[in-house]
Amino acid sequence: MKTYRILTILALVALMCVPAKAQDDELRHEIGITYGALSNSRWIDAMTDIAPAMVGQKTDRHKAFGTLGVEYFYHTSPLVGVGGIFAVSTATEDVYIANELSFHRSKSFFSLMPAVKFNWLRKEHWGMYSKIAAGALMGRAADKDYDNNGNKSSKSEVRTAWDFNWQVSLIGIEAGSDHFRGFTELGIGEQGVFLAGVRCKF
């Protein structure tokens, strides 16, 4: 994932908060972006490499980007918010068969999960919460062959698969103003075991 894409998303979230500063009514809408590590898709990715390794297929130069998430919640009350989470992560690797470089693989994981958030501690400039989400995961793998000179082919073989996915954040801590806050969470699932981000409310 390119750095400029992350910065663009951050800028869009910040711009959405600008008109909200002029409002004094109850803040019901919440949009946030997250970045996390040790996600479900990373574990699934690791497990799917076990069987090929047992028959002589190995991987090298593995590069992975943590999970980037975008979430929205509508607060039906100060305690409860309902909404959804979209998360994406990517990885690349070279695959060797019989110790010979065979092809380059790119993997992408996309998740869409309805979610509920519980704001169980609310202070003026900080708060604590928990959230739970469950939905679908689509995994996509694209393989490009290497030629004798080590160049990747322009053509790729693409495969997709679907699975169940989820996120449970046991504890989240946020701090900042009424409209704009940074936060960090500890949990397990597609957004990661450890994740952090920013959000705006309007």
Protein backbone atom coordinates (compact mmCIF):
# COMPACT_ATOMS: atom_id res chain seq x y z
CA MET A 1 0.00 0.00 0.00
CA LYS A 2 1.49 3.33 -1.09
CA THR A 3 2.14 5.96 1.57
CA TYR A 4 0.37 8.65 -0.48
CA ARG A 5 -2.84 6.59 -0.42
CA ILE A 6 -2.78 6.50 3.38
CA LEU A 7 -2.15 10.25 3.53
CA THR A 8 -5.02 10.88 1.10
CA ILE A 9 -7.43 8.93 3.30
CA LEU A 10 -6.23 10.84 6.38
CA ALA A 11 -6.79 14.13 4.59
CA LEU A 12 -10.32 13.15 3.52
CA VAL A 13 -11.25 12.17 7.07
CA ALA A 14 -9.88 15.47 8.38
CA LEU A 15 -11.84 17.47 5.77
CA MET A 16 -15.07 15.75 6.78
CA CYS A 17 -14.55 17.04 10.31
CA VAL A 18 -14.15 20.69 9.26
CA PRO A 19 -17.86 21.51 8.78
CA ALA A 20 -18.69 19.52 11.90
CA LYS A 21 -16.87 22.02 14.12
CA ALA A 22 -19.63 24.56 13.59
CA GLN A 23 -22.27 22.22 14.95
CA ASP A 24 -23.21 22.06 18.63
CA ASP A 25 -25.83 19.33 18.45
CA GLU A 26 -25.32 15.70 19.42
CA LEU A 27 -22.59 13.94 17.46
CA ARG A 28 -24.05 10.76 15.99
CA HIS A 29 -21.85 9.97 12.97
CA GLU A 30 -18.31 8.62 13.33
CA ILE A 31 -15.76 7.86 10.59
CA GLY A 32 -12.31 6.47 11.32
CA ILE A 33 -9.31 4.86 9.68
CA THR A 34 -7.13 2.20 11.30
CA TYR A 35 -3.84 0.45 10.73
CA GLY A 36 -3.13 -2.81 12.51
CA ALA A 37 -0.74 -5.75 12.76
CA LEU A 38 -1.20 -9.53 13.24
CA SER A 39 -4.54 -9.71 11.45
CA ASN A 40 -6.63 -12.79 10.63
CA SER A 41 -5.60 -12.62 6.96
CA ARG A 42 -1.93 -12.81 7.94
CA TRP A 43 -2.61 -16.02 9.90
CA ILE A 44 -4.66 -17.43 7.00
CA ASP A 45 -1.84 -16.53 4.62
CA ALA A 46 0.70 -18.35 6.80
CA MET A 47 -1.46 -21.45 7.14
CA THR A 48 -2.05 -21.76 3.39
CA ASP A 49 1.74 -21.89 2.86
CA ILE A 50 2.15 -24.99 5.04
CA ALA A 51 0.75 -27.61 2.63
CA PRO A 52 2.77 -26.41 -0.41
CA ALA A 53 5.94 -26.39 1.71
CA MET A 54 5.42 -30.07 2.51
CA VAL A 55 5.69 -30.95 -1.21
CA GLY A 56 8.77 -28.86 -1.92
CA GLN A 57 7.29 -25.44 -2.67
CA LYS A 58 9.08 -22.63 -0.82
CA THR A 59 8.69 -18.88 -0.64
CA ASP A 60 11.22 -16.05 -0.35
CA ARG A 61 11.30 -12.24 -0.27
CA HIS A 62 7.96 -12.15 1.49
CA LYS A 63 6.66 -8.62 2.01
CA ALA A 64 3.42 -7.84 3.80
CA PHE A 65 1.51 -4.64 4.54
CA GLY A 66 -0.56 -4.57 7.71
CA THR A 67 -4.33 -4.15 7.62
CA LEU A 68 -5.73 -0.76 6.65
CA GLY A 69 -9.32 -0.27 7.76
CA VAL A 70 -12.10 2.28 7.27
CA GLU A 71 -14.99 2.21 9.72
CA TYR A 72 -18.29 4.02 10.15
CA PHE A 73 -20.62 4.05 13.15
CA TYR A 74 -23.98 5.71 13.71
CA HIS A 75 -24.58 6.30 17.41
CA THR A 76 -28.12 5.33 18.29
CA SER A 77 -27.31 6.46 21.85
CA PRO A 78 -24.23 7.79 23.69
CA LEU A 79 -23.47 4.17 24.65
CA VAL A 80 -24.03 2.23 21.41
CA GLY A 81 -22.90 2.75 17.82
CA VAL A 82 -23.81 0.50 14.87
CA GLY A 83 -22.08 0.46 11.50
CA GLY A 84 -19.48 -1.41 9.52
CA ILE A 85 -15.79 -1.93 8.82
CA PHE A 86 -13.98 -2.33 5.49
CA ALA A 87 -10.44 -3.70 5.75
CA VAL A 88 -7.73 -4.52 3.22
CA SER A 89 -4.25 -6.04 3.46
CA THR A 90 -1.68 -7.10 0.86
CA ALA A 91 1.38 -9.33 0.57
CA THR A 92 3.90 -10.37 -2.10
CA GLU A 93 6.40 -13.24 -2.35
CA ASP A 94 8.56 -15.24 -4.75
CA VAL A 95 7.72 -18.94 -5.04
CA TYR A 96 10.33 -21.65 -5.60
CA ILE A 97 9.50 -25.15 -6.86
CA ALA A 98 12.26 -27.80 -6.53
CA ASN A 99 14.61 -24.97 -5.45
CA GLU A 100 14.08 -23.08 -8.72
CA LEU A 101 12.50 -19.62 -8.91
CA SER A 102 9.11 -20.23 -10.51
CA PHE A 103 6.73 -17.29 -10.10
CA HIS A 104 5.90 -14.09 -8.21
CA ARG A 105 2.70 -14.06 -6.16
CA SER A 106 0.66 -11.03 -5.08
CA LYS A 107 -2.04 -11.49 -2.46
CA SER A 108 -4.87 -9.17 -1.45
CA PHE A 109 -7.46 -9.62 1.28
CA PHE A 110 -10.69 -7.59 1.42
CA SER A 111 -13.15 -7.75 4.34
CA LEU A 112 -16.57 -6.17 4.87
CA MET A 113 -18.00 -6.59 8.37
CA PRO A 114 -21.09 -5.14 10.11
CA ALA A 115 -20.03 -3.89 13.55
CA VAL A 116 -21.25 -2.69 16.95
CA LYS A 117 -19.34 -0.37 19.29
CA PHE A 118 -19.92 0.09 23.04
CA ASN A 119 -18.71 3.38 24.55
CA TRP A 120 -18.61 2.28 28.17
CA LEU A 121 -16.49 5.16 29.52
CA ARG A 122 -17.07 8.70 28.23
CA LYS A 123 -15.07 11.71 29.43
CA GLU A 124 -14.75 15.21 27.99
CA HIS A 125 -11.45 14.62 26.17
CA TRP A 126 -11.04 10.85 26.26
CA GLY A 127 -12.98 7.62 26.45
CA MET A 128 -12.81 3.83 26.49
CA TYR A 129 -14.83 1.38 24.43
CA SER A 130 -15.13 -2.13 23.00
CA LYS A 131 -16.34 -3.29 19.58
CA ILE A 132 -17.27 -6.46 17.74
CA ALA A 133 -17.63 -7.13 14.00
CA ALA A 134 -18.27 -10.14 11.77
CA GLY A 135 -18.62 -10.53 8.01
CA ALA A 136 -16.98 -11.82 4.83
CA LEU A 137 -13.39 -12.05 3.61
CA MET A 138 -12.39 -12.24 -0.05
CA GLY A 139 -8.84 -13.41 -0.76
CA ARG A 140 -7.23 -12.83 -4.15
CA ALA A 141 -3.92 -14.33 -5.36
CA ALA A 142 -2.23 -13.44 -8.66
CA ASP A 143 0.77 -15.47 -9.91
CA LYS A 144 3.17 -14.15 -12.55
CA ASP A 145 5.74 -16.53 -14.06
CA TYR A 146 9.45 -15.71 -14.22
CA ASP A 147 11.31 -16.27 -17.51
CA ASN A 148 14.88 -17.57 -17.81
CA ASN A 149 16.24 -14.05 -17.30
CA GLY A 150 14.33 -13.57 -14.06
CA ASN A 151 11.75 -11.18 -15.53
CA LYS A 152 8.10 -11.35 -14.53
CA SER A 153 5.51 -12.17 -17.16
CA SER A 154 2.92 -9.56 -18.10
CA LYS A 155 0.19 -12.20 -17.71
CA SER A 156 -1.01 -13.55 -14.39
CA GLU A 157 -3.14 -16.40 -13.12
CA VAL A 158 -5.72 -15.08 -10.67
CA ARG A 159 -7.61 -17.05 -8.02
CA THR A 160 -10.19 -15.86 -5.49
CA ALA A 161 -11.70 -17.45 -2.39
CA TRP A 162 -14.25 -16.41 0.23
CA ASP A 163 -14.20 -16.98 3.99
CA PHE A 164 -15.73 -15.78 7.25
CA ASN A 165 -13.96 -12.93 9.05
CA TRP A 166 -14.34 -10.95 12.27
CA GLN A 167 -12.84 -8.45 14.71
CA VAL A 168 -13.17 -8.25 18.49
CA SER A 169 -11.50 -5.26 20.16
CA LEU A 170 -11.61 -5.91 23.89
CA ILE A 171 -10.43 -2.45 24.86
CA GLY A 172 -10.02 0.78 22.93
CA ILE A 173 -8.75 4.11 24.23
CA GLU A 174 -9.39 7.40 22.43
CA ALA A 175 -8.31 10.95 23.21
CA GLY A 176 -8.71 14.38 21.65
CA SER A 177 -11.51 16.85 21.01
CA ASP A 178 -15.22 16.20 20.59
CA HIS A 179 -14.85 16.10 16.80
CA PHE A 180 -11.39 14.65 16.20
CA ARG A 181 -9.61 11.93 18.19
CA GLY A 182 -6.73 9.50 17.95
CA PHE A 183 -7.15 6.00 19.34
CA THR A 184 -5.52 2.65 19.90
CA GLU A 185 -7.07 -0.79 20.42
CA LEU A 186 -6.10 -4.22 21.73
CA GLY A 187 -8.04 -7.20 20.40
CA ILE A 188 -8.00 -9.94 17.82
CA GLY A 189 -9.33 -10.24 14.27
CA GLU A 190 -8.94 -8.74 10.80
CA GLN A 191 -8.04 -5.22 11.94
CA GLY A 192 -5.24 -6.70 14.03
CA VAL A 193 -4.19 -7.56 17.56
CA PHE A 194 -2.68 -4.08 17.90
CA LEU A 195 -4.17 -1.22 15.93
CA ALA A 196 -4.27 2.55 15.98
CA GLY A 197 -5.93 5.30 14.01
CA VAL A 198 -7.83 8.56 13.89
CA ARG A 199 -11.55 9.30 13.76
CA CYS A 200 -13.91 12.22 13.45
CA LYS A 201 -17.44 12.67 14.77
CA PHE A 202 -20.11 14.94 13.37
